[in-house]
Amino acid sequence: MTSFLGTYTHTLDAKGRLSIPSKFRKATGEIFILTLGLDGCLFFYPRDEWQRVLSDLRSLSFTSGKSRFFKREIASRACEVSVDSHGRVVIPQELRELVGLEKDVLVIGAIERVEFWNPERYRKYKDEFGLSYEEVAETLWENPGDVIGNGEE
């Protein structure tokens, strides 16, 4: 399983194409699923990871209004994109507009997916989050035995 790590700044061209870091392309192939993410970004998944997302989505109850709404939003905004011979993908205009992608784009590795952010929106998101990196870390593993690298999943 591939892990996406690091932050890169790339520029959208006039046709809405964005270069994907070569480390990300080489690890996963040339076909990805692009969809509306959370917190003001786009999610960019390799196909195998998208299958895991679909499995999680299928497990949500169809009788829940929130589940139906979320499934509709993520699925209706999703599209399959191919990396061209120059390592770029076309980001549809509707998705660019939804998250405010204009020229510069932060391409952020988020372990199982890649996120595309407007740099100003990302800075604002981090500023307004309200907790530091350390404060968040302290709350994620409430039990002393639950630590990163303990070999359990």
N, C-alpha and C. Protein backbone atom coordinates (compact mmCIF):
# COMPACT_ATOMS: atom_id res chain seq x y z
N MET A 1 0.84 -1.18 0.00
CA MET A 1 0.00 0.00 0.00
C MET A 1 0.89 1.24 0.00
N THR A 2 0.56 2.17 -0.84
CA THR A 2 1.31 3.41 -0.98
C THR A 2 0.91 4.41 0.10
N SER A 3 1.88 5.17 0.57
CA SER A 3 1.61 6.29 1.46
C SER A 3 2.03 7.57 0.76
N PHE A 4 1.14 8.54 0.73
CA PHE A 4 1.43 9.82 0.12
C PHE A 4 1.94 10.76 1.21
N LEU A 5 3.15 11.27 1.02
CA LEU A 5 3.80 12.10 2.03
C LEU A 5 4.37 13.35 1.37
N GLY A 6 4.35 14.45 2.10
CA GLY A 6 4.99 15.67 1.65
C GLY A 6 4.01 16.70 1.14
N THR A 7 4.52 17.92 0.97
CA THR A 7 3.74 19.04 0.46
C THR A 7 4.50 19.67 -0.69
N TYR A 8 3.79 19.95 -1.77
CA TYR A 8 4.38 20.53 -2.97
C TYR A 8 3.50 21.70 -3.42
N THR A 9 4.10 22.67 -4.05
CA THR A 9 3.34 23.75 -4.65
C THR A 9 3.49 23.64 -6.16
N HIS A 10 2.36 23.54 -6.84
CA HIS A 10 2.34 23.46 -8.29
C HIS A 10 1.38 24.53 -8.81
N THR A 11 1.44 24.77 -10.10
CA THR A 11 0.63 25.82 -10.71
C THR A 11 -0.33 25.21 -11.72
N LEU A 12 -1.59 25.64 -11.63
CA LEU A 12 -2.58 25.26 -12.65
C LEU A 12 -2.26 26.01 -13.93
N ASP A 13 -2.35 25.33 -15.06
CA ASP A 13 -2.18 26.05 -16.32
C ASP A 13 -3.53 26.58 -16.80
N ALA A 14 -3.54 27.26 -17.92
CA ALA A 14 -4.75 27.90 -18.44
C ALA A 14 -5.87 26.90 -18.76
N LYS A 15 -5.51 25.64 -18.98
CA LYS A 15 -6.51 24.61 -19.29
C LYS A 15 -6.96 23.84 -18.06
N GLY A 16 -6.53 24.27 -16.88
CA GLY A 16 -6.93 23.59 -15.65
C GLY A 16 -6.15 22.33 -15.36
N ARG A 17 -4.95 22.22 -15.94
CA ARG A 17 -4.12 21.05 -15.71
C ARG A 17 -3.16 21.32 -14.55
N LEU A 18 -2.96 20.28 -13.75
CA LEU A 18 -2.08 20.37 -12.59
C LEU A 18 -1.08 19.23 -12.65
N SER A 19 0.20 19.57 -12.44
CA SER A 19 1.24 18.53 -12.39
C SER A 19 1.15 17.78 -11.07
N ILE A 20 1.24 16.47 -11.18
CA ILE A 20 1.23 15.60 -10.00
C ILE A 20 2.68 15.23 -9.70
N PRO A 21 3.12 15.38 -8.46
CA PRO A 21 4.50 15.02 -8.14
C PRO A 21 4.84 13.62 -8.62
N SER A 22 6.02 13.47 -9.19
CA SER A 22 6.39 12.18 -9.79
C SER A 22 6.37 11.05 -8.76
N LYS A 23 6.73 11.34 -7.49
CA LYS A 23 6.68 10.29 -6.46
C LYS A 23 5.27 9.74 -6.32
N PHE A 24 4.27 10.58 -6.45
CA PHE A 24 2.89 10.14 -6.32
C PHE A 24 2.46 9.34 -7.54
N ARG A 25 2.86 9.77 -8.71
CA ARG A 25 2.48 9.08 -9.94
C ARG A 25 3.10 7.70 -10.03
N LYS A 26 4.38 7.61 -9.73
CA LYS A 26 5.10 6.35 -9.87
C LYS A 26 4.57 5.28 -8.93
N ALA A 27 4.09 5.70 -7.78
CA ALA A 27 3.65 4.75 -6.77
C ALA A 27 2.28 4.15 -7.06
N THR A 28 1.49 4.78 -7.91
CA THR A 28 0.10 4.37 -7.98
C THR A 28 -0.46 4.15 -9.38
N GLY A 29 0.21 4.53 -10.40
CA GLY A 29 -0.35 4.38 -11.74
C GLY A 29 -0.84 5.70 -12.30
N GLU A 30 -1.67 5.60 -13.32
CA GLU A 30 -2.06 6.80 -14.05
C GLU A 30 -3.54 7.15 -13.98
N ILE A 31 -4.34 6.32 -13.34
CA ILE A 31 -5.77 6.58 -13.22
C ILE A 31 -6.09 6.86 -11.75
N PHE A 32 -6.80 7.96 -11.51
CA PHE A 32 -7.17 8.37 -10.16
C PHE A 32 -8.63 8.77 -10.12
N ILE A 33 -9.18 8.86 -8.92
CA ILE A 33 -10.52 9.41 -8.71
C ILE A 33 -10.33 10.75 -8.00
N LEU A 34 -10.93 11.78 -8.56
CA LEU A 34 -10.88 13.13 -8.00
C LEU A 34 -12.28 13.48 -7.54
N THR A 35 -12.41 14.00 -6.33
CA THR A 35 -13.72 14.36 -5.82
C THR A 35 -13.62 15.49 -4.81
N LEU A 36 -14.77 16.03 -4.47
CA LEU A 36 -14.83 17.05 -3.44
C LEU A 36 -14.38 16.44 -2.12
N GLY A 37 -13.45 17.10 -1.46
CA GLY A 37 -12.97 16.63 -0.18
C GLY A 37 -13.71 17.29 0.96
N LEU A 38 -13.05 17.33 2.09
CA LEU A 38 -13.60 17.96 3.29
C LEU A 38 -12.71 19.14 3.67
N ASP A 39 -13.26 20.08 4.38
CA ASP A 39 -12.51 21.23 4.91
C ASP A 39 -12.07 22.22 3.83
N GLY A 40 -12.56 22.08 2.60
CA GLY A 40 -12.25 23.05 1.56
C GLY A 40 -11.20 22.62 0.57
N CYS A 41 -11.01 21.32 0.39
CA CYS A 41 -10.01 20.83 -0.57
C CYS A 41 -10.64 19.79 -1.49
N LEU A 42 -9.84 19.30 -2.42
CA LEU A 42 -10.22 18.17 -3.26
C LEU A 42 -9.46 16.94 -2.80
N PHE A 43 -10.09 15.78 -2.88
CA PHE A 43 -9.44 14.50 -2.60
C PHE A 43 -9.09 13.84 -3.92
N PHE A 44 -7.90 13.26 -3.97
CA PHE A 44 -7.36 12.62 -5.17
C PHE A 44 -6.90 11.23 -4.75
N TYR A 45 -7.65 10.19 -5.16
CA TYR A 45 -7.41 8.83 -4.72
C TYR A 45 -6.89 7.95 -5.85
N PRO A 46 -5.93 7.06 -5.56
CA PRO A 46 -5.66 5.98 -6.51
C PRO A 46 -6.88 5.06 -6.53
N ARG A 47 -7.06 4.36 -7.62
CA ARG A 47 -8.28 3.54 -7.76
C ARG A 47 -8.44 2.51 -6.65
N ASP A 48 -7.36 1.87 -6.23
CA ASP A 48 -7.51 0.85 -5.18
C ASP A 48 -7.97 1.46 -3.86
N GLU A 49 -7.47 2.63 -3.53
CA GLU A 49 -7.90 3.28 -2.29
C GLU A 49 -9.35 3.76 -2.43
N TRP A 50 -9.74 4.22 -3.60
CA TRP A 50 -11.12 4.63 -3.84
C TRP A 50 -12.07 3.46 -3.60
N GLN A 51 -11.66 2.25 -3.95
CA GLN A 51 -12.50 1.08 -3.71
C GLN A 51 -12.76 0.90 -2.22
N ARG A 52 -11.77 1.20 -1.38
CA ARG A 52 -11.96 1.12 0.07
C ARG A 52 -12.94 2.20 0.54
N VAL A 53 -12.84 3.38 -0.04
CA VAL A 53 -13.78 4.45 0.29
C VAL A 53 -15.20 4.03 -0.08
N LEU A 54 -15.36 3.46 -1.27
CA LEU A 54 -16.68 3.00 -1.70
C LEU A 54 -17.24 1.95 -0.76
N SER A 55 -16.39 1.06 -0.29
CA SER A 55 -16.84 0.04 0.66
C SER A 55 -17.37 0.70 1.93
N ASP A 56 -16.64 1.71 2.42
CA ASP A 56 -17.10 2.43 3.61
C ASP A 56 -18.42 3.14 3.34
N LEU A 57 -18.54 3.75 2.18
CA LEU A 57 -19.77 4.46 1.83
C LEU A 57 -20.95 3.50 1.72
N ARG A 58 -20.71 2.33 1.16
CA ARG A 58 -21.78 1.34 1.01
C ARG A 58 -22.29 0.85 2.37
N SER A 59 -21.44 0.92 3.38
CA SER A 59 -21.85 0.46 4.70
C SER A 59 -22.76 1.45 5.42
N LEU A 60 -22.87 2.67 4.91
CA LEU A 60 -23.74 3.67 5.53
C LEU A 60 -25.20 3.34 5.25
N SER A 61 -26.06 3.59 6.20
CA SER A 61 -27.47 3.27 6.06
C SER A 61 -28.16 4.19 5.05
N PHE A 62 -28.91 3.60 4.14
CA PHE A 62 -29.66 4.40 3.18
C PHE A 62 -30.86 5.08 3.84
N THR A 63 -31.22 4.66 5.04
CA THR A 63 -32.35 5.30 5.72
C THR A 63 -31.95 6.58 6.45
N SER A 64 -30.66 6.83 6.55
CA SER A 64 -30.17 8.05 7.20
C SER A 64 -30.09 9.18 6.17
N GLY A 65 -30.75 10.28 6.44
CA GLY A 65 -30.70 11.43 5.55
C GLY A 65 -29.29 11.97 5.38
N LYS A 66 -28.52 11.98 6.45
CA LYS A 66 -27.13 12.47 6.37
C LYS A 66 -26.29 11.55 5.48
N SER A 67 -26.50 10.25 5.60
CA SER A 67 -25.77 9.30 4.76
C SER A 67 -26.11 9.50 3.29
N ARG A 68 -27.39 9.62 3.01
CA ARG A 68 -27.80 9.81 1.61
C ARG A 68 -27.21 11.10 1.05
N PHE A 69 -27.27 12.17 1.82
CA PHE A 69 -26.73 13.45 1.37
C PHE A 69 -25.23 13.34 1.10
N PHE A 70 -24.49 12.78 2.04
CA PHE A 70 -23.04 12.67 1.88
C PHE A 70 -22.68 11.82 0.66
N LYS A 71 -23.34 10.66 0.52
CA LYS A 71 -23.06 9.80 -0.62
C LYS A 71 -23.34 10.52 -1.94
N ARG A 72 -24.44 11.25 -1.99
CA ARG A 72 -24.77 11.99 -3.22
C ARG A 72 -23.70 13.03 -3.54
N GLU A 73 -23.29 13.77 -2.51
CA GLU A 73 -22.31 14.82 -2.74
C GLU A 73 -20.97 14.28 -3.20
N ILE A 74 -20.45 13.28 -2.49
CA ILE A 74 -19.13 12.77 -2.86
C ILE A 74 -19.17 12.06 -4.21
N ALA A 75 -20.25 11.31 -4.47
CA ALA A 75 -20.33 10.58 -5.73
C ALA A 75 -20.62 11.49 -6.91
N SER A 76 -21.49 12.47 -6.73
CA SER A 76 -21.83 13.34 -7.85
C SER A 76 -20.69 14.27 -8.23
N ARG A 77 -19.77 14.49 -7.33
CA ARG A 77 -18.61 15.35 -7.61
C ARG A 77 -17.39 14.55 -8.06
N ALA A 78 -17.48 13.24 -8.04
CA ALA A 78 -16.33 12.38 -8.36
C ALA A 78 -16.18 12.20 -9.86
N CYS A 79 -14.93 12.12 -10.29
CA CYS A 79 -14.65 11.82 -11.70
C CYS A 79 -13.33 11.06 -11.78
N GLU A 80 -13.24 10.21 -12.78
CA GLU A 80 -12.01 9.49 -13.03
C GLU A 80 -11.12 10.38 -13.89
N VAL A 81 -9.87 10.54 -13.48
CA VAL A 81 -8.94 11.37 -14.24
C VAL A 81 -7.69 10.56 -14.54
N SER A 82 -7.10 10.85 -15.68
CA SER A 82 -5.87 10.18 -16.11
C SER A 82 -4.71 11.16 -16.06
N VAL A 83 -3.57 10.65 -15.70
CA VAL A 83 -2.35 11.44 -15.74
C VAL A 83 -1.84 11.38 -17.18
N ASP A 84 -1.61 12.57 -17.78
CA ASP A 84 -1.14 12.59 -19.17
C ASP A 84 0.36 12.31 -19.24
N SER A 85 0.90 12.32 -20.44
CA SER A 85 2.32 11.97 -20.64
C SER A 85 3.27 12.98 -20.00
N HIS A 86 2.77 14.13 -19.61
CA HIS A 86 3.58 15.16 -18.94
C HIS A 86 3.36 15.16 -17.43
N GLY A 87 2.61 14.18 -16.92
CA GLY A 87 2.39 14.07 -15.48
C GLY A 87 1.33 15.01 -14.94
N ARG A 88 0.38 15.42 -15.78
CA ARG A 88 -0.65 16.36 -15.36
C ARG A 88 -2.03 15.70 -15.40
N VAL A 89 -2.93 16.25 -14.58
CA VAL A 89 -4.34 15.88 -14.65
C VAL A 89 -5.14 17.15 -14.86
N VAL A 90 -6.27 17.00 -15.53
CA VAL A 90 -7.19 18.11 -15.70
C VAL A 90 -8.15 18.11 -14.53
N ILE A 91 -8.24 19.25 -13.86
CA ILE A 91 -9.20 19.40 -12.76
C ILE A 91 -10.41 20.13 -13.34
N PRO A 92 -11.58 19.49 -13.35
CA PRO A 92 -12.76 20.14 -13.92
C PRO A 92 -13.03 21.50 -13.27
N GLN A 93 -13.51 22.42 -14.09
CA GLN A 93 -13.75 23.79 -13.63
C GLN A 93 -14.67 23.83 -12.41
N GLU A 94 -15.73 23.02 -12.40
CA GLU A 94 -16.66 23.03 -11.27
C GLU A 94 -15.93 22.72 -9.96
N LEU A 95 -15.05 21.73 -9.97
CA LEU A 95 -14.31 21.37 -8.76
C LEU A 95 -13.32 22.47 -8.39
N ARG A 96 -12.66 23.06 -9.39
CA ARG A 96 -11.74 24.17 -9.10
C ARG A 96 -12.48 25.31 -8.41
N GLU A 97 -13.66 25.62 -8.91
CA GLU A 97 -14.44 26.72 -8.35
C GLU A 97 -14.92 26.40 -6.93
N LEU A 98 -15.34 25.17 -6.69
CA LEU A 98 -15.85 24.78 -5.37
C LEU A 98 -14.83 25.01 -4.25
N VAL A 99 -13.55 24.79 -4.56
CA VAL A 99 -12.53 24.90 -3.52
C VAL A 99 -11.57 26.07 -3.74
N GLY A 100 -11.87 26.90 -4.73
CA GLY A 100 -11.09 28.12 -4.94
C GLY A 100 -9.70 27.91 -5.51
N LEU A 101 -9.53 26.90 -6.36
CA LEU A 101 -8.22 26.71 -7.00
C LEU A 101 -8.13 27.66 -8.19
N GLU A 102 -7.11 28.49 -8.18
CA GLU A 102 -6.94 29.46 -9.25
C GLU A 102 -5.61 29.30 -9.96
N LYS A 103 -4.53 29.59 -9.28
CA LYS A 103 -3.21 29.49 -9.91
C LYS A 103 -2.32 28.53 -9.13
N ASP A 104 -1.85 28.96 -7.97
CA ASP A 104 -1.02 28.08 -7.15
C ASP A 104 -1.89 27.08 -6.40
N VAL A 105 -1.40 25.85 -6.32
CA VAL A 105 -2.12 24.77 -5.65
C VAL A 105 -1.15 24.04 -4.74
N LEU A 106 -1.56 23.85 -3.48
CA LEU A 106 -0.80 22.99 -2.59
C LEU A 106 -1.23 21.56 -2.87
N VAL A 107 -0.27 20.70 -3.12
CA VAL A 107 -0.51 19.28 -3.34
C VAL A 107 0.05 18.59 -2.10
N ILE A 108 -0.86 18.09 -1.27
CA ILE A 108 -0.48 17.59 0.05
C ILE A 108 -0.71 16.08 0.13
N GLY A 109 0.32 15.36 0.52
CA GLY A 109 0.18 13.94 0.79
C GLY A 109 -0.56 13.76 2.11
N ALA A 110 -1.62 12.96 2.10
CA ALA A 110 -2.43 12.74 3.31
C ALA A 110 -2.56 11.23 3.56
N ILE A 111 -1.46 10.55 3.53
CA ILE A 111 -1.31 9.12 3.76
C ILE A 111 -1.98 8.29 2.66
N GLU A 112 -3.31 8.11 2.71
CA GLU A 112 -3.98 7.24 1.73
C GLU A 112 -4.49 7.99 0.51
N ARG A 113 -4.38 9.31 0.52
CA ARG A 113 -4.87 10.11 -0.60
C ARG A 113 -3.98 11.34 -0.73
N VAL A 114 -4.22 12.09 -1.79
CA VAL A 114 -3.58 13.38 -2.01
C VAL A 114 -4.67 14.43 -1.91
N GLU A 115 -4.34 15.60 -1.38
CA GLU A 115 -5.30 16.70 -1.28
C GLU A 115 -4.78 17.88 -2.09
N PHE A 116 -5.71 18.57 -2.77
CA PHE A 116 -5.39 19.78 -3.51
C PHE A 116 -6.04 20.95 -2.79
N TRP A 117 -5.24 21.95 -2.43
CA TRP A 117 -5.70 23.09 -1.65
C TRP A 117 -5.32 24.41 -2.30
N ASN A 118 -6.21 25.38 -2.18
CA ASN A 118 -5.85 26.77 -2.40
C ASN A 118 -4.93 27.13 -1.23
N PRO A 119 -3.72 27.64 -1.47
CA PRO A 119 -2.79 27.90 -0.37
C PRO A 119 -3.35 28.82 0.72
N GLU A 120 -4.07 29.85 0.34
CA GLU A 120 -4.64 30.76 1.33
C GLU A 120 -5.72 30.07 2.16
N ARG A 121 -6.53 29.26 1.51
CA ARG A 121 -7.58 28.52 2.22
C ARG A 121 -6.96 27.53 3.21
N TYR A 122 -5.87 26.89 2.82
CA TYR A 122 -5.21 25.95 3.72
C TYR A 122 -4.63 26.68 4.93
N ARG A 123 -3.98 27.81 4.69
CA ARG A 123 -3.43 28.60 5.80
C ARG A 123 -4.54 29.00 6.76
N LYS A 124 -5.66 29.45 6.22
CA LYS A 124 -6.79 29.86 7.05
C LYS A 124 -7.36 28.66 7.82
N TYR A 125 -7.48 27.53 7.16
CA TYR A 125 -7.96 26.31 7.82
C TYR A 125 -7.08 25.98 9.03
N LYS A 126 -5.77 26.00 8.83
CA LYS A 126 -4.86 25.68 9.92
C LYS A 126 -4.95 26.72 11.04
N ASP A 127 -5.02 27.99 10.67
CA ASP A 127 -5.11 29.07 11.67
C ASP A 127 -6.38 28.96 12.51
N GLU A 128 -7.48 28.58 11.88
CA GLU A 128 -8.77 28.54 12.56
C GLU A 128 -9.06 27.21 13.23
N PHE A 129 -8.19 26.22 13.05
CA PHE A 129 -8.47 24.90 13.61
C PHE A 129 -8.60 24.94 15.12
N GLY A 130 -7.81 25.75 15.77
CA GLY A 130 -7.99 25.95 17.20
C GLY A 130 -7.10 25.12 18.10
N LEU A 131 -6.45 24.12 17.57
CA LEU A 131 -5.55 23.29 18.36
C LEU A 131 -4.21 23.18 17.63
N SER A 132 -3.15 23.04 18.40
CA SER A 132 -1.84 22.83 17.79
C SER A 132 -1.69 21.36 17.39
N TYR A 133 -0.69 21.09 16.61
CA TYR A 133 -0.33 19.73 16.21
C TYR A 133 -0.18 18.84 17.44
N GLU A 134 0.52 19.34 18.45
CA GLU A 134 0.76 18.58 19.67
C GLU A 134 -0.53 18.34 20.44
N GLU A 135 -1.39 19.36 20.51
CA GLU A 135 -2.66 19.20 21.23
C GLU A 135 -3.55 18.15 20.57
N VAL A 136 -3.58 18.15 19.27
CA VAL A 136 -4.35 17.14 18.55
C VAL A 136 -3.76 15.75 18.81
N ALA A 137 -2.45 15.63 18.71
CA ALA A 137 -1.79 14.34 18.92
C ALA A 137 -2.11 13.76 20.29
N GLU A 138 -2.16 14.61 21.30
CA GLU A 138 -2.44 14.13 22.65
C GLU A 138 -3.83 13.53 22.78
N THR A 139 -4.75 13.92 21.95
CA THR A 139 -6.13 13.42 22.07
C THR A 139 -6.42 12.21 21.19
N LEU A 140 -5.59 11.92 20.23
CA LEU A 140 -5.90 10.86 19.27
C LEU A 140 -5.75 9.46 19.84
N TRP A 141 -4.84 9.28 20.74
CA TRP A 141 -4.62 7.97 21.33
C TRP A 141 -4.84 8.09 22.83
N GLU A 142 -6.09 8.00 23.21
CA GLU A 142 -6.46 8.19 24.62
C GLU A 142 -5.93 7.08 25.52
N ASN A 143 -5.83 5.87 25.00
CA ASN A 143 -5.33 4.75 25.79
C ASN A 143 -3.81 4.68 25.67
N PRO A 144 -3.09 4.51 26.78
CA PRO A 144 -1.62 4.51 26.74
C PRO A 144 -1.03 3.45 25.80
N GLY A 145 -1.73 2.35 25.58
CA GLY A 145 -1.22 1.31 24.69
C GLY A 145 -1.40 1.63 23.22
N ASP A 146 -2.22 2.62 22.92
CA ASP A 146 -2.49 2.98 21.52
C ASP A 146 -1.53 4.07 21.08
N VAL A 147 -0.42 3.66 20.50
CA VAL A 147 0.57 4.62 20.03
C VAL A 147 0.93 4.32 18.59
N ILE A 148 1.44 5.32 17.90
CA ILE A 148 1.86 5.13 16.53
C ILE A 148 2.97 4.07 16.50
N GLY A 149 2.85 3.14 15.58
CA GLY A 149 3.89 2.14 15.42
C GLY A 149 3.78 0.95 16.35
N ASN A 150 2.64 0.75 16.98
CA ASN A 150 2.51 -0.40 17.89
C ASN A 150 2.21 -1.69 17.14
N GLY A 151 2.11 -1.61 15.82
CA GLY A 151 1.91 -2.81 15.02
C GLY A 151 0.47 -3.23 14.86
N GLU A 152 -0.46 -2.54 15.52
CA GLU A 152 -1.88 -2.89 15.39
C GLU A 152 -2.56 -1.92 14.45
N GLU A 153 -3.60 -2.41 13.78
CA GLU A 153 -4.39 -1.54 12.92
C GLU A 153 -5.83 -1.62 13.30
